Amino acid sequence: MQRCGHIIAVSDAVRQNLVGAGYRPEQITVILNGVPDHTSNGEPSMRQALRQELGIADNITAVVNAGRFIHDKGQDLLLRALQQTPTDVHFYLIGDTNTEFGQQISQMVFDSTRVHFLGFRKDVQRILPAFDIYAMSSRREALPLSLVEALAARLPVVATIVGGVPEIVLHEDTGLLVPSGNADAIAKAITRLHDDPKLAERLSRTGRAFFEDRLTDRKMVEQTLAVYQSCLDQVHRS
């Protein structure tokens, strides 16, 4: 990237890493990842239909995670956390388990009645409203699109403090943050949301509002075009 006139970073954490690698701060603009808003408006009938489609019982607190099955994504931490959550909490893991780490995760399952592997899906954003909580257990991230999609879907989120995650998951405001690599903390945060529906509802509302304000694909495109225009203006002036 040394020949780049300007660099777009998806989070301030990425920007700081680039500056640490020798890039000039004025050469970098932070534009947060954005996604299209394909979710429903939270209608109970739509949510109920999705839960029936996925086989999620009404009396289940459904915790979802979507991502590649690699060590950095930390699905092993979720399985360890599950053992410390109420028995009506079920985990739904989206992603292709046909990886070395995925096979390890499959063998870790201690209670097959509470862990559900949904495989690779192209319609993650469509089905997210079926769930009650989104849990992100990553050990390393820049700014995960799956987390942006969860906020768009009005899910209260539990996320690890890695990379740019704290820039969109504001602790006690748009979600709950926990230390990276700490299964106990993940379990406590999930249990807290399970036990406090009012907190879960508040976080889902504020998370959705943050998405609408900062994380839409329209916002990302507008900001990207502004960077392009600024670069062109500099060329014309030189």
Protein backbone atom coordinates (compact mmCIF):
# COMPACT_ATOMS: atom_id res chain seq x y z
CA MET A 1 0.00 0.00 0.00
CA GLN A 2 3.01 2.31 -0.01
CA ARG A 3 1.97 3.66 -3.42
CA CYS A 4 -1.57 4.52 -2.28
CA GLY A 5 -2.49 8.17 -2.25
CA HIS A 6 -5.06 7.59 0.47
CA ILE A 7 -6.20 4.64 2.60
CA ILE A 8 -9.65 3.83 3.96
CA ALA A 9 -9.62 1.97 7.28
CA VAL A 10 -12.74 0.16 8.50
CA SER A 11 -12.10 1.16 12.12
CA ASP A 12 -9.93 3.47 14.18
CA ALA A 13 -8.15 0.37 15.51
CA VAL A 14 -7.07 -0.42 11.95
CA ARG A 15 -6.04 3.22 11.47
CA GLN A 16 -3.86 3.07 14.57
CA ASN A 17 -2.20 -0.11 13.32
CA LEU A 18 -1.47 1.56 9.99
CA VAL A 19 0.01 4.61 11.70
CA GLY A 20 2.14 2.28 13.80
CA ALA A 21 3.34 0.66 10.58
CA GLY A 22 4.57 4.01 9.29
CA TYR A 23 1.64 5.46 7.36
CA ARG A 24 0.87 9.15 7.86
CA PRO A 25 -2.31 9.85 9.87
CA GLU A 26 -3.49 12.39 7.29
CA GLN A 27 -3.25 9.65 4.66
CA ILE A 28 -5.94 7.56 6.38
CA THR A 29 -9.71 8.02 6.68
CA VAL A 30 -11.86 5.80 8.91
CA ILE A 31 -15.12 4.64 7.33
CA LEU A 32 -17.00 2.05 9.35
CA ASN A 33 -18.33 -1.02 7.59
CA GLY A 34 -21.94 -0.66 6.51
CA VAL A 35 -24.52 -3.22 5.37
CA PRO A 36 -27.88 -3.06 3.56
CA ASP A 37 -30.90 -3.07 5.80
CA HIS A 38 -32.66 -6.27 4.79
CA THR A 39 -34.23 -6.98 8.18
CA SER A 40 -37.91 -6.78 8.97
CA ASN A 41 -39.28 -4.14 11.30
CA GLY A 42 -39.31 -6.58 14.17
CA GLU A 43 -42.89 -7.77 13.59
CA PRO A 44 -43.73 -10.61 16.00
CA SER A 45 -45.35 -12.63 13.20
CA MET A 46 -42.18 -12.52 11.09
CA ARG A 47 -40.02 -13.48 14.06
CA GLN A 48 -42.33 -16.36 14.94
CA ALA A 49 -42.30 -17.64 11.37
CA LEU A 50 -38.50 -17.60 11.31
CA ARG A 51 -38.29 -19.45 14.62
CA GLN A 52 -40.63 -22.12 13.31
CA GLU A 53 -38.53 -22.40 10.14
CA LEU A 54 -35.37 -22.92 12.21
CA GLY A 55 -37.00 -25.16 14.81
CA ILE A 56 -36.52 -22.74 17.73
CA ALA A 57 -39.02 -23.38 20.51
CA ASP A 58 -40.86 -20.47 22.13
CA ASN A 59 -39.38 -21.21 25.56
CA ILE A 60 -35.77 -21.10 24.32
CA THR A 61 -33.37 -18.16 24.60
CA ALA A 62 -31.60 -18.49 21.27
CA VAL A 63 -28.03 -17.15 21.13
CA VAL A 64 -26.54 -16.93 17.65
CA ASN A 65 -23.03 -16.55 16.26
CA ALA A 66 -22.04 -16.36 12.60
CA GLY A 67 -18.52 -16.72 11.28
CA ARG A 68 -15.82 -18.91 9.83
CA PHE A 69 -14.77 -21.83 12.00
CA ILE A 70 -11.22 -20.73 12.72
CA HIS A 71 -9.44 -20.20 16.04
CA ASP A 72 -9.63 -16.40 15.77
CA LYS A 73 -13.45 -16.54 15.81
CA GLY A 74 -13.49 -18.26 19.21
CA GLN A 75 -16.45 -20.63 18.91
CA ASP A 76 -14.67 -22.81 21.49
CA LEU A 77 -15.20 -20.01 24.00
CA LEU A 78 -18.93 -20.05 23.29
CA LEU A 79 -19.16 -23.76 24.00
CA ARG A 80 -17.34 -23.30 27.29
CA ALA A 81 -19.60 -20.37 28.13
CA LEU A 82 -22.71 -22.43 27.42
CA GLN A 83 -21.97 -24.70 30.37
CA GLN A 84 -22.39 -21.72 32.70
CA THR A 85 -25.66 -20.38 31.30
CA PRO A 86 -29.26 -21.31 32.22
CA THR A 87 -30.50 -24.57 30.72
CA ASP A 88 -33.02 -22.82 28.46
CA VAL A 89 -30.19 -21.01 26.66
CA HIS A 90 -29.35 -22.64 23.33
CA PHE A 91 -26.49 -21.71 20.99
CA TYR A 92 -26.91 -21.59 17.21
CA LEU A 93 -23.65 -21.53 15.27
CA ILE A 94 -23.72 -20.42 11.63
CA GLY A 95 -20.79 -21.34 9.42
CA ASP A 96 -19.16 -24.21 7.59
CA THR A 97 -17.69 -26.65 10.10
CA ASN A 98 -15.69 -28.42 7.38
CA THR A 99 -12.42 -26.98 8.67
CA GLU A 100 -9.87 -28.38 11.08
CA PHE A 101 -11.08 -26.03 13.81
CA GLY A 102 -14.71 -26.70 12.90
CA GLN A 103 -14.19 -30.40 13.45
CA GLN A 104 -12.58 -29.69 16.80
CA ILE A 105 -15.60 -27.60 17.78
CA SER A 106 -18.00 -30.35 16.73
CA GLN A 107 -16.17 -32.77 19.02
CA MET A 108 -16.27 -30.29 21.93
CA VAL A 109 -20.07 -30.28 22.18
CA PHE A 110 -21.03 -31.57 25.60
CA ASP A 111 -24.82 -31.14 25.24
CA SER A 112 -26.07 -31.70 21.71
CA THR A 113 -29.58 -30.66 22.72
CA ARG A 114 -28.39 -27.09 23.36
CA VAL A 115 -25.91 -26.59 20.51
CA HIS A 116 -27.19 -26.33 16.96
CA PHE A 117 -24.98 -26.12 13.88
CA LEU A 118 -26.79 -24.33 11.06
CA GLY A 119 -24.00 -24.69 8.49
CA PHE A 120 -23.02 -22.12 5.89
CA ARG A 121 -25.92 -19.86 4.96
CA LYS A 122 -26.30 -17.08 2.44
CA ASP A 123 -29.32 -15.62 4.24
CA VAL A 124 -27.83 -14.80 7.64
CA GLN A 125 -29.26 -11.30 7.76
CA ARG A 126 -32.73 -12.61 6.89
CA ILE A 127 -32.81 -15.12 9.73
CA LEU A 128 -31.14 -13.06 12.47
CA PRO A 129 -34.46 -11.65 13.82
CA ALA A 130 -35.36 -15.21 14.89
CA PHE A 131 -32.77 -15.09 17.66
CA ASP A 132 -32.67 -13.41 21.07
CA ILE A 133 -28.98 -12.57 21.54
CA TYR A 134 -25.94 -12.25 19.29
CA ALA A 135 -22.66 -13.40 20.82
CA MET A 136 -19.31 -12.52 19.22
CA SER A 137 -16.38 -14.38 20.76
CA SER A 138 -13.56 -13.39 18.41
CA ARG A 139 -9.95 -13.20 19.51
CA ARG A 140 -9.08 -10.86 16.63
CA GLU A 141 -11.15 -8.61 14.35
CA ALA A 142 -11.01 -5.40 12.35
CA LEU A 143 -14.74 -4.57 12.29
CA PRO A 144 -16.94 -7.65 11.80
CA LEU A 145 -19.83 -7.35 9.36
CA SER A 146 -21.73 -10.01 11.30
CA LEU A 147 -21.84 -7.68 14.29
CA VAL A 148 -23.14 -4.83 12.14
CA GLU A 149 -25.84 -7.16 10.83
CA ALA A 150 -26.79 -8.12 14.39
CA LEU A 151 -27.27 -4.47 15.35
CA ALA A 152 -29.36 -3.97 12.23
CA ALA A 153 -31.51 -6.95 13.25
CA ARG A 154 -32.23 -5.41 16.67
CA LEU A 155 -30.39 -8.11 18.59
CA PRO A 156 -28.76 -7.27 21.93
CA VAL A 157 -25.11 -8.18 21.51
CA VAL A 158 -22.33 -9.57 23.66
CA ALA A 159 -18.93 -8.97 22.07
CA THR A 160 -15.27 -9.30 22.93
CA ILE A 161 -13.02 -6.26 23.20
CA VAL A 162 -10.93 -6.71 20.07
CA GLY A 163 -10.00 -4.47 17.15
CA GLY A 164 -12.67 -1.98 16.21
CA VAL A 165 -15.49 -3.74 18.08
CA PRO A 166 -15.63 -1.18 20.95
CA GLU A 167 -16.19 1.52 18.32
CA ILE A 168 -19.66 0.16 17.56
CA VAL A 169 -20.47 -1.86 20.69
CA LEU A 170 -20.55 0.79 23.36
CA HIS A 171 -20.63 -0.97 26.71
CA GLU A 172 -24.03 -0.78 28.43
CA ASP A 173 -25.31 1.35 25.52
CA THR A 174 -25.35 -0.57 22.23
CA GLY A 175 -24.26 -3.89 23.75
CA LEU A 176 -22.16 -5.59 26.40
CA LEU A 177 -18.39 -5.87 26.07
CA VAL A 178 -16.32 -8.64 27.61
CA PRO A 179 -12.58 -9.37 27.67
CA SER A 180 -11.22 -11.40 24.79
CA GLY A 181 -10.60 -15.07 25.51
CA ASN A 182 -12.78 -15.11 28.64
CA ALA A 183 -15.55 -17.72 28.46
CA ASP A 184 -16.69 -16.91 32.00
CA ALA A 185 -17.31 -13.27 31.08
CA ILE A 186 -19.22 -14.29 27.95
CA ALA A 187 -21.42 -16.59 30.03
CA LYS A 188 -22.11 -13.90 32.63
CA ALA A 189 -23.07 -11.34 29.97
CA ILE A 190 -25.40 -13.78 28.19
CA THR A 191 -26.98 -14.79 31.50
CA ARG A 192 -27.46 -11.14 32.38
CA LEU A 193 -29.39 -10.54 29.15
CA HIS A 194 -31.36 -13.74 29.72
CA ASP A 195 -32.34 -12.60 33.21
CA ASP A 196 -33.04 -8.95 32.37
CA PRO A 197 -35.44 -8.59 29.40
CA LYS A 198 -35.66 -4.82 29.91
CA LEU A 199 -31.89 -4.49 29.49
CA ALA A 200 -31.97 -6.70 26.41
CA GLU A 201 -34.76 -4.60 24.90
CA ARG A 202 -32.95 -1.33 25.64
CA LEU A 203 -29.73 -2.56 24.07
CA SER A 204 -31.58 -3.80 21.00
CA ARG A 205 -33.15 -0.36 20.51
CA THR A 206 -29.97 1.63 20.99
CA GLY A 207 -28.02 -0.80 18.84
CA ARG A 208 -30.54 -0.42 16.04
CA ALA A 209 -30.42 3.38 16.36
CA PHE A 210 -26.61 3.29 16.13
CA PHE A 211 -26.87 1.17 13.00
CA GLU A 212 -29.29 3.58 11.37
CA ASP A 213 -27.06 6.54 12.22
CA ARG A 214 -23.61 5.16 11.48
CA LEU A 215 -23.58 1.71 9.87
CA THR A 216 -25.86 1.65 6.82
CA ASP A 217 -24.50 0.88 3.39
CA ARG A 218 -25.72 4.32 2.25
CA LYS A 219 -23.65 6.04 4.93
CA MET A 220 -20.58 3.99 3.97
CA VAL A 221 -21.00 4.80 0.26
CA GLU A 222 -21.51 8.51 0.92
CA GLN A 223 -18.36 8.70 3.02
CA THR A 224 -16.37 6.67 0.50
CA LEU A 225 -17.44 8.91 -2.37
CA ALA A 226 -16.44 11.93 -0.31
CA VAL A 227 -12.93 10.49 0.11
CA TYR A 228 -12.68 9.83 -3.64
CA GLN A 229 -13.81 13.38 -4.39
CA SER A 230 -11.28 14.80 -1.95
CA CYS A 231 -8.50 12.81 -3.61
CA LEU A 232 -9.58 13.99 -7.06
CA ASP A 233 -9.70 17.59 -5.87
CA GLN A 234 -6.13 17.29 -4.58
CA VAL A 235 -4.99 15.94 -7.96
CA HIS A 236 -6.67 18.81 -9.80
CA ARG A 237 -5.06 21.36 -7.51
CA SER A 238 -1.56 19.92 -7.91
